[in-house]
C-alpha atoms as a PDB file:
ATOM      1  CA  MET A   1      12.142  42.250 -19.244  1.00  0.00           C
ATOM      2  CA  ASN A   2      11.940  40.714 -15.762  1.00  0.00           C
ATOM      3  CA  THR A   3      14.501  38.039 -14.936  1.00  0.00           C
ATOM      4  CA  PRO A   4      13.437  35.247 -12.554  1.00  0.00           C
ATOM      5  CA  PRO A   5      15.261  35.346  -9.225  1.00  0.00           C
ATOM      6  CA  LEU A   6      18.191  32.999  -8.688  1.00  0.00           C
ATOM      7  CA  ARG A   7      17.539  29.921  -6.563  1.00  0.00           C
ATOM      8  CA  SER A   8      19.737  31.374  -3.838  1.00  0.00           C
ATOM      9  CA  GLU A   9      17.313  34.304  -3.622  1.00  0.00           C
ATOM     10  CA  TYR A  10      14.443  31.851  -3.252  1.00  0.00           C
ATOM     11  CA  GLN A  11      16.363  30.150  -0.456  1.00  0.00           C
ATOM     12  CA  GLN A  12      16.889  33.484   1.275  1.00  0.00           C
ATOM     13  CA  ALA A  13      13.153  34.176   1.067  1.00  0.00           C
ATOM     14  CA  ILE A  14      12.341  30.717   2.459  1.00  0.00           C
ATOM     15  CA  GLU A  15      14.751  31.213   5.366  1.00  0.00           C
ATOM     16  CA  LEU A  16      13.241  34.627   6.085  1.00  0.00           C
ATOM     17  CA  LEU A  17       9.711  33.175   6.151  1.00  0.00           C
ATOM     18  CA  THR A  18      10.522  30.150   8.273  1.00  0.00           C
ATOM     19  CA  GLN A  19      13.038  31.495  10.780  1.00  0.00           C
ATOM     20  CA  ASN A  20      10.422  32.874  13.166  1.00  0.00           C
ATOM     21  CA  GLY A  21       8.329  29.694  13.139  1.00  0.00           C
ATOM     22  CA  GLU A  22       5.177  31.360  11.780  1.00  0.00           C
ATOM     23  CA  TYR A  23       5.432  29.943   8.257  1.00  0.00           C
ATOM     24  CA  ARG A  24       6.206  26.678   6.556  1.00  0.00           C
ATOM     25  CA  VAL A  25       7.292  26.539   2.916  1.00  0.00           C
ATOM     26  CA  ILE A  26       6.933  23.354   0.883  1.00  0.00           C
ATOM     27  CA  GLU A  27       8.546  22.742  -2.502  1.00  0.00           C
ATOM     28  CA  LYS A  28       7.149  21.384  -5.741  1.00  0.00           C
ATOM     29  CA  TYR A  29       8.263  17.815  -6.436  1.00  0.00           C
ATOM     30  CA  ARG A  30      11.285  17.513  -8.705  1.00  0.00           C
ATOM     31  CA  LYS A  31      12.628  14.099  -9.636  1.00  0.00           C
ATOM     32  CA  PRO A  32      16.207  13.897  -8.393  1.00  0.00           C
ATOM     33  CA  GLU A  33      19.010  12.338 -10.384  1.00  0.00           C
ATOM     34  CA  PHE A  34      19.566   9.957  -7.467  1.00  0.00           C
ATOM     35  CA  TYR A  35      18.622   9.649  -3.780  1.00  0.00           C
ATOM     36  CA  HIS A  36      21.608   7.661  -2.503  1.00  0.00           C
ATOM     37  CA  GLN A  37      24.763   6.766  -4.358  1.00  0.00           C
ATOM     38  CA  ASN A  38      25.693   3.087  -4.536  1.00  0.00           C
ATOM     39  CA  GLN A  39      29.130   3.675  -3.050  1.00  0.00           C
ATOM     40  CA  ASP A  40      29.492   0.046  -1.915  1.00  0.00           C
ATOM     41  CA  ASN A  41      28.841  -1.185  -5.471  1.00  0.00           C
ATOM     42  CA  ILE A  42      26.298  -3.702  -4.216  1.00  0.00           C
ATOM     43  CA  THR A  43      24.035  -5.407  -6.712  1.00  0.00           C
ATOM     44  CA  PRO A  44      20.854  -3.336  -6.465  1.00  0.00           C
ATOM     45  CA  LYS A  45      17.409  -4.786  -6.104  1.00  0.00           C
ATOM     46  CA  ARG A  46      14.598  -3.486  -8.290  1.00  0.00           C
ATOM     47  CA  GLY A  47      11.261  -2.205  -7.063  1.00  0.00           C
ATOM     48  CA  ILE A  48       8.195  -0.878  -8.858  1.00  0.00           C
ATOM     49  CA  PHE A  49       5.853   1.718  -7.451  1.00  0.00           C
ATOM     50  CA  LEU A  50       2.528   1.054  -9.173  1.00  0.00           C
ATOM     51  CA  ASP A  51      -0.633   3.141  -9.344  1.00  0.00           C
ATOM     52  CA  VAL A  52      -4.005   2.515 -10.998  1.00  0.00           C
ATOM     53  CA  GLU A  53      -6.652   5.016 -12.024  1.00  0.00           C
ATOM     54  CA  SER A  54     -10.022   3.387 -12.637  1.00  0.00           C
ATOM     55  CA  THR A  55     -13.692   4.053 -13.348  1.00  0.00           C
ATOM     56  CA  GLY A  56     -14.542   3.292  -9.704  1.00  0.00           C
ATOM     57  CA  GLY A  57     -13.559   1.373  -6.595  1.00  0.00           C
ATOM     58  CA  ASP A  58     -14.915  -2.121  -7.330  1.00  0.00           C
ATOM     59  CA  TYR A  59     -12.373  -4.306  -9.134  1.00  0.00           C
ATOM     60  CA  LYS A  60     -15.118  -6.815 -10.001  1.00  0.00           C
ATOM     61  CA  GLN A  61     -17.041  -4.374 -12.190  1.00  0.00           C
ATOM     62  CA  ASP A  62     -14.967  -1.193 -12.672  1.00  0.00           C
ATOM     63  CA  LYS A  63     -12.148  -0.889 -15.198  1.00  0.00           C
ATOM     64  CA  ILE A  64      -8.610   0.444 -15.295  1.00  0.00           C
ATOM     65  CA  ILE A  65      -8.241   3.655 -17.308  1.00  0.00           C
ATOM     66  CA  GLU A  66      -4.583   4.406 -16.539  1.00  0.00           C
ATOM     67  CA  LEU A  67      -1.675   2.353 -15.237  1.00  0.00           C
ATOM     68  CA  GLY A  68       1.546   3.957 -14.033  1.00  0.00           C
ATOM     69  CA  MET A  69       4.757   2.279 -12.890  1.00  0.00           C
ATOM     70  CA  ALA A  70       7.987   3.860 -11.723  1.00  0.00           C
ATOM     71  CA  VAL A  71      10.922   1.441 -11.574  1.00  0.00           C
ATOM     72  CA  PHE A  72      13.593   2.145  -8.958  1.00  0.00           C
ATOM     73  CA  GLU A  73      16.751   0.499  -7.671  1.00  0.00           C
ATOM     74  CA  TYR A  74      17.365   0.018  -3.960  1.00  0.00           C
ATOM     75  CA  ALA A  75      19.585  -1.613  -1.365  1.00  0.00           C
ATOM     76  CA  PRO A  76      18.321  -4.405   0.928  1.00  0.00           C
ATOM     77  CA  ASP A  77      18.522  -1.984   3.870  1.00  0.00           C
ATOM     78  CA  GLY A  78      15.894   0.283   2.281  1.00  0.00           C
ATOM     79  CA  ARG A  79      18.080   2.970   0.718  1.00  0.00           C
ATOM     80  CA  ILE A  80      16.658   3.918  -2.676  1.00  0.00           C
ATOM     81  CA  PHE A  81      19.322   4.731  -5.237  1.00  0.00           C
ATOM     82  CA  SER A  82      17.429   6.148  -8.206  1.00  0.00           C
ATOM     83  CA  ILE A  83      14.412   5.922 -10.489  1.00  0.00           C
ATOM     84  CA  VAL A  84      15.468   4.089 -13.646  1.00  0.00           C
ATOM     85  CA  GLU A  85      12.320   3.843 -15.771  1.00  0.00           C
ATOM     86  CA  GLU A  86       8.791   5.216 -16.016  1.00  0.00           C
ATOM     87  CA  PHE A  87       5.762   3.624 -17.664  1.00  0.00           C
ATOM     88  CA  CYS A  88       2.312   5.159 -17.985  1.00  0.00           C
ATOM     89  CA  GLU A  89      -0.434   4.270 -20.443  1.00  0.00           C
ATOM     90  CA  PHE A  90      -4.192   4.708 -20.857  1.00  0.00           C
ATOM     91  CA  GLN A  91      -6.710   1.902 -21.282  1.00  0.00           C
ATOM     92  CA  ASP A  92     -10.074   2.287 -22.997  1.00  0.00           C
ATOM     93  CA  PRO A  93     -12.626   0.893 -20.490  1.00  0.00           C
ATOM     94  CA  HIS A  94     -15.323   0.672 -23.218  1.00  0.00           C
ATOM     95  CA  MET A  95     -17.689   2.433 -20.853  1.00  0.00           C
ATOM     96  CA  PRO A  96     -18.221   6.104 -19.993  1.00  0.00           C
ATOM     97  CA  ILE A  97     -15.892   7.455 -17.330  1.00  0.00           C
ATOM     98  CA  PRO A  98     -18.025   8.735 -14.425  1.00  0.00           C
ATOM     99  CA  GLU A  99     -18.020  12.491 -14.046  1.00  0.00           C
ATOM    100  CA  PHE A 100     -16.563  12.389 -10.534  1.00  0.00           C
ATOM    101  CA  ILE A 101     -13.614  10.307 -11.791  1.00  0.00           C
ATOM    102  CA  THR A 102     -12.908  12.848 -14.530  1.00  0.00           C
ATOM    103  CA  LYS A 103     -13.060  15.652 -11.955  1.00  0.00           C
ATOM    104  CA  LEU A 104     -10.715  13.740  -9.680  1.00  0.00           C
ATOM    105  CA  THR A 105      -8.145  12.623 -12.253  1.00  0.00           C
ATOM    106  CA  GLY A 106      -8.634  14.910 -15.247  1.00  0.00           C
ATOM    107  CA  ILE A 107      -8.951  11.798 -17.472  1.00  0.00           C
ATOM    108  CA  THR A 108     -11.712  12.105 -20.067  1.00  0.00           C
ATOM    109  CA  ASP A 109     -13.422   9.664 -22.415  1.00  0.00           C
ATOM    110  CA  GLU A 110     -11.586  11.308 -25.326  1.00  0.00           C
ATOM    111  CA  MET A 111      -8.174  10.698 -23.726  1.00  0.00           C
ATOM    112  CA  VAL A 112      -8.705   6.936 -23.353  1.00  0.00           C
ATOM    113  CA  GLN A 113     -10.682   6.244 -26.532  1.00  0.00           C
ATOM    114  CA  GLY A 114      -8.954   3.514 -28.531  1.00  0.00           C
ATOM    115  CA  GLN A 115      -6.050   3.297 -26.073  1.00  0.00           C
ATOM    116  CA  ALA A 116      -4.646  -0.025 -24.836  1.00  0.00           C
ATOM    117  CA  ILE A 117      -2.014  -0.760 -22.227  1.00  0.00           C
ATOM    118  CA  ASN A 118       0.996  -2.668 -23.549  1.00  0.00           C
ATOM    119  CA  ILE A 119       0.445  -5.892 -21.621  1.00  0.00           C
ATOM    120  CA  GLU A 120       3.735  -7.496 -22.639  1.00  0.00           C
ATOM    121  CA  LYS A 121       5.657  -4.457 -21.420  1.00  0.00           C
ATOM    122  CA  VAL A 122       3.815  -4.552 -18.109  1.00  0.00           C
ATOM    123  CA  LYS A 123       4.640  -8.250 -17.662  1.00  0.00           C
ATOM    124  CA  GLN A 124       8.277  -7.614 -18.587  1.00  0.00           C
ATOM    125  CA  LEU A 125       8.661  -4.845 -16.024  1.00  0.00           C
ATOM    126  CA  ILE A 126       6.926  -6.773 -13.251  1.00  0.00           C
ATOM    127  CA  GLN A 127       8.953  -9.908 -13.989  1.00  0.00           C
ATOM    128  CA  SER A 128      12.136  -7.884 -13.433  1.00  0.00           C
ATOM    129  CA  ALA A 129      10.990  -6.561 -10.030  1.00  0.00           C
ATOM    130  CA  ASP A 130      11.872  -7.847  -6.572  1.00  0.00           C
ATOM    131  CA  ILE A 131       8.859  -6.112  -5.002  1.00  0.00           C
ATOM    132  CA  ILE A 132       5.783  -4.155  -6.121  1.00  0.00           C
ATOM    133  CA  ILE A 133       4.654  -1.175  -4.008  1.00  0.00           C
ATOM    134  CA  SER A 134       1.373   0.740  -4.060  1.00  0.00           C
ATOM    135  CA  HIS A 135      -0.036   3.350  -1.754  1.00  0.00           C
ATOM    136  CA  ASN A 136      -3.186   1.276  -1.402  1.00  0.00           C
ATOM    137  CA  ALA A 137      -2.155  -2.193  -2.507  1.00  0.00           C
ATOM    138  CA  ASP A 138      -5.510  -3.594  -1.413  1.00  0.00           C
ATOM    139  CA  PHE A 139      -6.990  -1.526  -4.265  1.00  0.00           C
ATOM    140  CA  ASP A 140      -4.245  -1.535  -6.903  1.00  0.00           C
ATOM    141  CA  ARG A 141      -3.245  -5.186  -6.701  1.00  0.00           C
ATOM    142  CA  LYS A 142      -6.799  -6.441  -7.124  1.00  0.00           C
ATOM    143  CA  PHE A 143      -7.385  -4.225 -10.168  1.00  0.00           C
ATOM    144  CA  VAL A 144      -4.117  -5.328 -11.789  1.00  0.00           C
ATOM    145  CA  GLU A 145      -4.852  -9.017 -11.121  1.00  0.00           C
ATOM    146  CA  ALA A 146      -8.351  -8.674 -12.586  1.00  0.00           C
ATOM    147  CA  PHE A 147      -6.886  -6.937 -15.649  1.00  0.00           C
ATOM    148  CA  LEU A 148      -3.942  -9.346 -16.042  1.00  0.00           C
ATOM    149  CA  PRO A 149      -4.760 -12.758 -14.529  1.00  0.00           C
ATOM    150  CA  SER A 150      -1.448 -14.197 -15.783  1.00  0.00           C
ATOM    151  CA  LEU A 151       0.631 -11.583 -13.975  1.00  0.00           C
ATOM    152  CA  PRO A 152       3.974 -12.921 -12.626  1.00  0.00           C
ATOM    153  CA  LEU A 153       3.699 -13.693  -8.904  1.00  0.00           C
ATOM    154  CA  LYS A 154       5.694 -11.131  -6.933  1.00  0.00           C
ATOM    155  CA  PRO A 155       5.765  -9.887  -3.335  1.00  0.00           C
ATOM    156  CA  TRP A 156       3.767  -6.717  -2.723  1.00  0.00           C
ATOM    157  CA  GLY A 157       4.105  -3.970  -0.158  1.00  0.00           C
ATOM    158  CA  CYS A 158       1.798  -1.122   0.758  1.00  0.00           C
ATOM    159  CA  SER A 159       3.028   2.348   1.713  1.00  0.00           C
ATOM    160  CA  LEU A 160      -0.402   3.001   3.264  1.00  0.00           C
ATOM    161  CA  LYS A 161      -0.597  -0.023   5.580  1.00  0.00           C
ATOM    162  CA  ASP A 162       2.944  -1.407   5.858  1.00  0.00           C
ATOM    163  CA  ILE A 163       4.238   1.784   7.451  1.00  0.00           C
ATOM    164  CA  HIS A 164       2.854   2.506  10.925  1.00  0.00           C
ATOM    165  CA  TRP A 165       1.939   6.126  10.315  1.00  0.00           C
ATOM    166  CA  LYS A 166      -0.019   6.512  13.571  1.00  0.00           C
ATOM    167  CA  SER A 167       2.935   5.246  15.578  1.00  0.00           C
ATOM    168  CA  GLU A 168       5.038   7.786  13.699  1.00  0.00           C
ATOM    169  CA  GLU A 169       2.595  10.481  14.927  1.00  0.00           C
ATOM    170  CA  VAL A 170       1.385  11.280  11.404  1.00  0.00           C
ATOM    171  CA  GLU A 171      -2.316  12.152  11.564  1.00  0.00           C
ATOM    172  CA  SER A 172      -3.307  11.000   8.070  1.00  0.00           C
ATOM    173  CA  ALA A 173      -1.845   8.429   5.687  1.00  0.00           C
ATOM    174  CA  LYS A 174      -3.313  10.018   2.553  1.00  0.00           C
ATOM    175  CA  GLN A 175      -0.454  10.355   0.101  1.00  0.00           C
ATOM    176  CA  GLU A 176      -0.952  14.066  -0.593  1.00  0.00           C
ATOM    177  CA  TYR A 177      -0.929  14.762   3.154  1.00  0.00           C
ATOM    178  CA  LEU A 178       2.243  12.689   3.604  1.00  0.00           C
ATOM    179  CA  ALA A 179       3.883  14.726   0.850  1.00  0.00           C
ATOM    180  CA  TYR A 180       2.947  17.913   2.691  1.00  0.00           C
ATOM    181  CA  LYS A 181       4.348  16.544   5.965  1.00  0.00           C
ATOM    182  CA  PHE A 182       7.631  15.763   4.215  1.00  0.00           C
ATOM    183  CA  GLY A 183       7.861  19.222   2.666  1.00  0.00           C
ATOM    184  CA  PHE A 184       6.726  18.873  -0.940  1.00  0.00           C
ATOM    185  CA  TYR A 185       3.619  18.919  -3.109  1.00  0.00           C
ATOM    186  CA  TYR A 186       2.714  17.400  -6.476  1.00  0.00           C
ATOM    187  CA  GLU A 187      -0.168  17.103  -8.915  1.00  0.00           C
ATOM    188  CA  GLY A 188      -2.030  14.091  -7.548  1.00  0.00           C
ATOM    189  CA  HIS A 189      -4.540  11.561  -8.906  1.00  0.00           C
ATOM    190  CA  ARG A 190      -2.638  10.771 -12.072  1.00  0.00           C
ATOM    191  CA  ALA A 191      -0.889   7.434 -12.151  1.00  0.00           C
ATOM    192  CA  ILE A 192       2.746   8.343 -12.812  1.00  0.00           C
ATOM    193  CA  SER A 193       2.789  11.449 -10.632  1.00  0.00           C
ATOM    194  CA  ASP A 194       1.396   9.397  -7.741  1.00  0.00           C
ATOM    195  CA  CYS A 195       4.124   6.784  -8.330  1.00  0.00           C
ATOM    196  CA  LEU A 196       6.953   9.323  -8.335  1.00  0.00           C
ATOM    197  CA  ALA A 197       5.596  11.051  -5.237  1.00  0.00           C
ATOM    198  CA  GLY A 198       5.210   7.674  -3.527  1.00  0.00           C
ATOM    199  CA  ILE A 199       8.866   6.823  -4.087  1.00  0.00           C
ATOM    200  CA  HIS A 200       9.859  10.278  -2.843  1.00  0.00           C
ATOM    201  CA  ILE A 201       7.980   9.621   0.418  1.00  0.00           C
ATOM    202  CA  LEU A 202       9.681   6.231   0.817  1.00  0.00           C
ATOM    203  CA  THR A 203      13.081   7.952   0.849  1.00  0.00           C
ATOM    204  CA  LYS A 204      12.169  10.110   3.845  1.00  0.00           C
ATOM    205  CA  THR A 205      13.179   9.537   7.478  1.00  0.00           C
ATOM    206  CA  LEU A 206      10.209   8.746   9.719  1.00  0.00           C
ATOM    207  CA  PRO A 207       9.683  11.260  12.548  1.00  0.00           C
ATOM    208  CA  VAL A 208       9.540   8.892  15.544  1.00  0.00           C
ATOM    209  CA  SER A 209      11.483   5.732  14.675  1.00  0.00           C
ATOM    210  CA  LYS A 210      14.055   7.719  12.646  1.00  0.00           C
ATOM    211  CA  GLU A 211      14.295   4.917  10.114  1.00  0.00           C
ATOM    212  CA  LEU A 212      13.767   5.284   6.399  1.00  0.00           C
ATOM    213  CA  ALA A 213      10.134   4.836   5.388  1.00  0.00           C
ATOM    214  CA  PHE A 214      11.081   2.170   2.842  1.00  0.00           C
ATOM    215  CA  THR A 215      13.128   0.287   5.457  1.00  0.00           C
ATOM    216  CA  GLN A 216      10.058   0.018   7.697  1.00  0.00           C
ATOM    217  CA  LEU A 217       7.867  -0.995   4.754  1.00  0.00           C
ATOM    218  CA  LEU A 218      10.244  -3.808   3.755  1.00  0.00           C
ATOM    219  CA  THR A 219      10.427  -5.058   7.357  1.00  0.00           C
ATOM    220  CA  ASN A 220       6.646  -5.168   7.732  1.00  0.00           C
ATOM    221  CA  ALA A 221       6.044  -6.614   4.263  1.00  0.00           C
ATOM    222  CA  ARG A 222       8.218  -9.613   5.174  1.00  0.00           C
ATOM    223  CA  LYS A 223       6.061 -10.441   8.215  1.00  0.00           C
ATOM    224  CA  ASN A 224       3.008 -12.668   8.312  1.00  0.00           C
ATOM    225  CA  SER A 225      -0.356 -11.010   8.847  1.00  0.00           C
ATOM    226  CA  PHE A 226      -3.628 -12.681   9.801  1.00  0.00           C
ATOM    227  CA  LYS A 227      -7.399 -12.621   9.388  1.00  0.00           C
ATOM    228  CA  LEU A 228      -9.214 -14.088  12.382  1.00  0.00           C
ATOM    229  CA  TRP A 229     -12.785 -15.226  11.754  1.00  0.00           C
ATOM    230  CA  ALA A 230     -15.473 -15.174  14.445  1.00  0.00           C
ATOM    231  CA  THR A 231     -17.782 -17.752  12.864  1.00  0.00           C
ATOM    232  CA  ARG A 232     -19.539 -18.723  16.114  1.00  0.00           C
ATOM    233  CA  CYS A 233     -20.273 -15.222  17.368  1.00  0.00           C
ATOM    234  CA  PRO A 234     -23.673 -14.942  19.115  1.00  0.00           C
ATOM    235  CA  PHE A 235     -25.866 -12.277  17.506  1.00  0.00           C
ATOM    236  CA  GLU A 236     -26.031 -10.218  20.699  1.00  0.00           C
ATOM    237  CA  GLN A 237     -22.226  -9.795  20.631  1.00  0.00           C
ATOM    238  CA  LYS A 238     -22.132  -8.110  17.211  1.00  0.00           C
ATOM    239  CA  ASP A 239     -21.843  -4.580  18.612  1.00  0.00           C
ATOM    240  CA  LEU A 240     -18.907  -5.620  20.776  1.00  0.00           C
ATOM    241  CA  LEU A 241     -17.104  -7.055  17.740  1.00  0.00           C
ATOM    242  CA  LYS A 242     -17.920  -4.060  15.555  1.00  0.00           C
ATOM    243  CA  ALA A 243     -16.558  -1.628  18.146  1.00  0.00           C
ATOM    244  CA  ARG A 244     -13.351  -3.656  18.305  1.00  0.00           C
ATOM    245  CA  GLY A 245     -12.757  -3.420  14.550  1.00  0.00           C
ATOM    246  CA  TYR A 246     -14.356  -6.596  13.202  1.00  0.00           C
ATOM    247  CA  ARG A 247     -16.104  -6.371   9.826  1.00  0.00           C
ATOM    248  CA  TRP A 248     -19.071  -8.411   8.612  1.00  0.00           C
ATOM    249  CA  HIS A 249     -18.393 -10.525   5.506  1.00  0.00           C
ATOM    250  CA  ALA A 250     -21.375 -11.826   3.599  1.00  0.00           C
ATOM    251  CA  ASP A 251     -20.772 -11.369  -0.141  1.00  0.00           C
ATOM    252  CA  GLY A 252     -20.196 -14.246  -2.526  1.00  0.00           C
ATOM    253  CA  HIS A 253     -16.418 -13.817  -2.402  1.00  0.00           C
ATOM    254  CA  ALA A 254     -16.073 -14.187   1.374  1.00  0.00           C
ATOM    255  CA  LYS A 255     -14.759 -17.478   2.725  1.00  0.00           C
ATOM    256  CA  TYR A 256     -17.316 -17.400   5.567  1.00  0.00           C
ATOM    257  CA  LYS A 257     -20.481 -15.467   6.281  1.00  0.00           C
ATOM    258  CA  ALA A 258     -19.107 -14.121   9.515  1.00  0.00           C
ATOM    259  CA  TRP A 259     -17.298 -11.364  11.379  1.00  0.00           C
ATOM    260  CA  ALA A 260     -13.540 -11.085  10.869  1.00  0.00           C
ATOM    261  CA  ILE A 261     -10.660  -8.841  11.864  1.00  0.00           C
ATOM    262  CA  ASP A 262      -7.306  -8.190  10.147  1.00  0.00           C
ATOM    263  CA  LEU A 263      -4.259  -8.377  12.416  1.00  0.00           C
ATOM    264  CA  THR A 264      -0.735  -7.292  11.582  1.00  0.00           C
ATOM    265  CA  ASP A 265       1.294  -9.632  13.757  1.00  0.00           C
ATOM    266  CA  GLU A 266       1.276 -12.791  15.852  1.00  0.00           C
ATOM    267  CA  THR A 267       1.049 -10.956  19.184  1.00  0.00           C
ATOM    268  CA  LEU A 268      -2.182  -9.224  18.160  1.00  0.00           C
ATOM    269  CA  LEU A 269      -3.586 -12.532  16.920  1.00  0.00           C
ATOM    270  CA  LYS A 270      -2.978 -14.160  20.306  1.00  0.00           C
ATOM    271  CA  GLN A 271      -4.598 -11.234  22.105  1.00  0.00           C
ATOM    272  CA  GLU A 272      -7.647 -11.424  19.842  1.00  0.00           C
ATOM    273  CA  ILE A 273      -8.133 -15.166  20.278  1.00  0.00           C
ATOM    274  CA  ASP A 274      -7.937 -14.631  24.023  1.00  0.00           C
ATOM    275  CA  PHE A 275     -10.571 -11.875  23.700  1.00  0.00           C
ATOM    276  CA  LEU A 276     -12.945 -14.192  21.801  1.00  0.00           C
ATOM    277  CA  TRP A 277     -12.490 -16.997  24.306  1.00  0.00           C
ATOM    278  CA  ASN A 278     -12.989 -14.889  27.414  1.00  0.00           C
ATOM    279  CA  GLN A 279     -15.318 -12.046  26.391  1.00  0.00           C
ATOM    280  CA  VAL A 280     -17.356 -13.365  23.459  1.00  0.00           C
ATOM    281  CA  TYR A 281     -17.671 -17.148  23.647  1.00  0.00           C
ATOM    282  CA  GLY A 282     -16.852 -17.859  27.275  1.00  0.00           C
ATOM    283  CA  LYS A 283     -14.989 -20.984  26.225  1.00  0.00           C
ATOM    284  CA  LYS A 284     -12.001 -22.136  24.187  1.00  0.00           C
ATOM    285  CA  THR A 285     -12.751 -22.827  20.551  1.00  0.00           C
ATOM    286  CA  LYS A 286     -10.672 -22.918  17.405  1.00  0.00           C
ATOM    287  CA  GLU A 287     -11.755 -20.305  14.904  1.00  0.00           C
ATOM    288  CA  PRO A 288     -10.400 -20.217  11.330  1.00  0.00           C
ATOM    289  CA  VAL A 289      -7.331 -18.040  10.764  1.00  0.00           C
ATOM    290  CA  ASP A 290      -6.022 -16.994   7.342  1.00  0.00           C
ATOM    291  CA  VAL A 291      -2.281 -16.349   7.098  1.00  0.00           C
ATOM    292  CA  PHE A 292      -0.899 -13.870   4.577  1.00  0.00           C
ATOM    293  CA  ASN A 293       2.601 -12.984   3.421  1.00  0.00           C
ATOM    294  CA  ALA A 294       3.933 -10.538   0.837  1.00  0.00           C
ATOM    295  CA  TYR A 295       2.991 -12.895  -2.000  1.00  0.00           C
ATOM    296  CA  SER A 296      -0.640 -13.332  -0.956  1.00  0.00           C
ATOM    297  CA  ARG A 297      -1.453 -10.130   0.965  1.00  0.00           C
ATOM    298  CA  TYR A 298      -3.799  -7.643  -0.758  1.00  0.00           C
ATOM    299  CA  SER A 299      -4.539 -10.195  -3.507  1.00  0.00           C
ATOM    300  CA  MET A 300      -7.982 -10.980  -4.898  1.00  0.00           C
ATOM    301  CA  LEU A 301      -6.897 -14.615  -5.087  1.00  0.00           C
ATOM    302  CA  SER A 302      -7.225 -17.091  -2.221  1.00  0.00           C
ATOM    303  CA  PRO A 303      -4.111 -19.281  -2.189  1.00  0.00           C
ATOM    304  CA  SER A 304      -4.260 -22.634  -0.453  1.00  0.00           C
ATOM    305  CA  PRO A 305      -2.704 -22.520   3.014  1.00  0.00           C
ATOM    306  CA  GLN A 306       0.837 -23.873   3.225  1.00  0.00           C
ATOM    307  CA  LYS A 307       1.804 -26.555   5.728  1.00  0.00           C
ATOM    308  CA  GLN A 308       4.031 -24.170   7.695  1.00  0.00           C
ATOM    309  CA  GLU A 309       1.121 -21.738   8.005  1.00  0.00           C
ATOM    310  CA  LEU A 310      -1.224 -24.443   9.282  1.00  0.00           C
ATOM    311  CA  ASP A 311       1.466 -25.578  11.736  1.00  0.00           C
ATOM    312  CA  LEU A 312       1.905 -21.985  12.964  1.00  0.00           C
ATOM    313  CA  ILE A 313      -1.802 -21.558  13.737  1.00  0.00           C
ATOM    314  CA  GLU A 314      -1.938 -24.959  15.460  1.00  0.00           C
ATOM    315  CA  HIS A 315       1.060 -23.972  17.589  1.00  0.00           C
ATOM    316  CA  ILE A 316      -0.577 -20.657  18.575  1.00  0.00           C
ATOM    317  CA  TYR A 317      -3.794 -22.405  19.686  1.00  0.00           C
ATOM    318  CA  GLU A 318      -1.832 -24.992  21.670  1.00  0.00           C
ATOM    319  CA  GLU A 319       0.246 -22.294  23.363  1.00  0.00           C
ATOM    320  CA  LEU A 320      -2.846 -20.286  24.308  1.00  0.00           C
ATOM    321  CA  SER A 321      -4.647 -23.374  25.614  1.00  0.00           C
ATOM    322  CA  ASP A 322      -1.710 -24.130  27.914  1.00  0.00           C
ATOM    323  CA  THR A 323      -1.654 -20.606  29.358  1.00  0.00           C
ATOM    324  CA  ASN A 324      -5.420 -20.025  29.774  1.00  0.00           C
END
């Protein structure tokens, strides 16, 4: 009978493979007992990493088939202590699951038939959280809000967009690629495994800034972001806007039938207004600007602008008018 090698023997083999720089060995994900110990005995905050599997990508017509949530405790500085609870349940979409979704996730019609997510449990967990994280919150949050319109209002963060992966010299922000870059692999495209892997990535030190990934996410999630609309754009300027990253909005859910660009901070907003004035319109004009924070960002809802947000935009336009 063959006995499996001791872990120390595995380590020796890994060192032998990697010492000459020709090989890289990555490990299978294993949930640790803890990431950091709460040695200061601070009162921990509670986060939830949430992931949705669905019948497709359109929250207005597709349905959730699996919802996973991993609850973790963390310090305000971004240190994650440990994972304290896991939740994962199927939901019968009452429609056939497309074949490509089954191939991607392994979830079949038989697995979800008659299944229903415990809505009260979901509300209870989310109510207890200080922040909700997804690896594509623009997707997951909208699906969850469509499924549970009475969901408690909480701040959201996105490990895809609220970490500046390009600035960290990471070529792709796909979660499976990030796992590889940080030295582990996992079985992806199932809700709870994606949640656990997502938390694992958040505990890692970023290669350029040398800060914890979750620290950077929390910092960026607290900032305002903006959507600048180009409602007066001449038709002949559309290619210029498109090349710069503007997108055309014309469906029934858009606030305006116009070009718009998403901007992550106030400095970029000022630069973009200046670009419109000088290179598109040839004059100063006030275009609409939507302001988002962690409570409204990535949501399918359109909250009314707050007075401080309106004052901020007015101040930006006044400042730019004085300097141009």
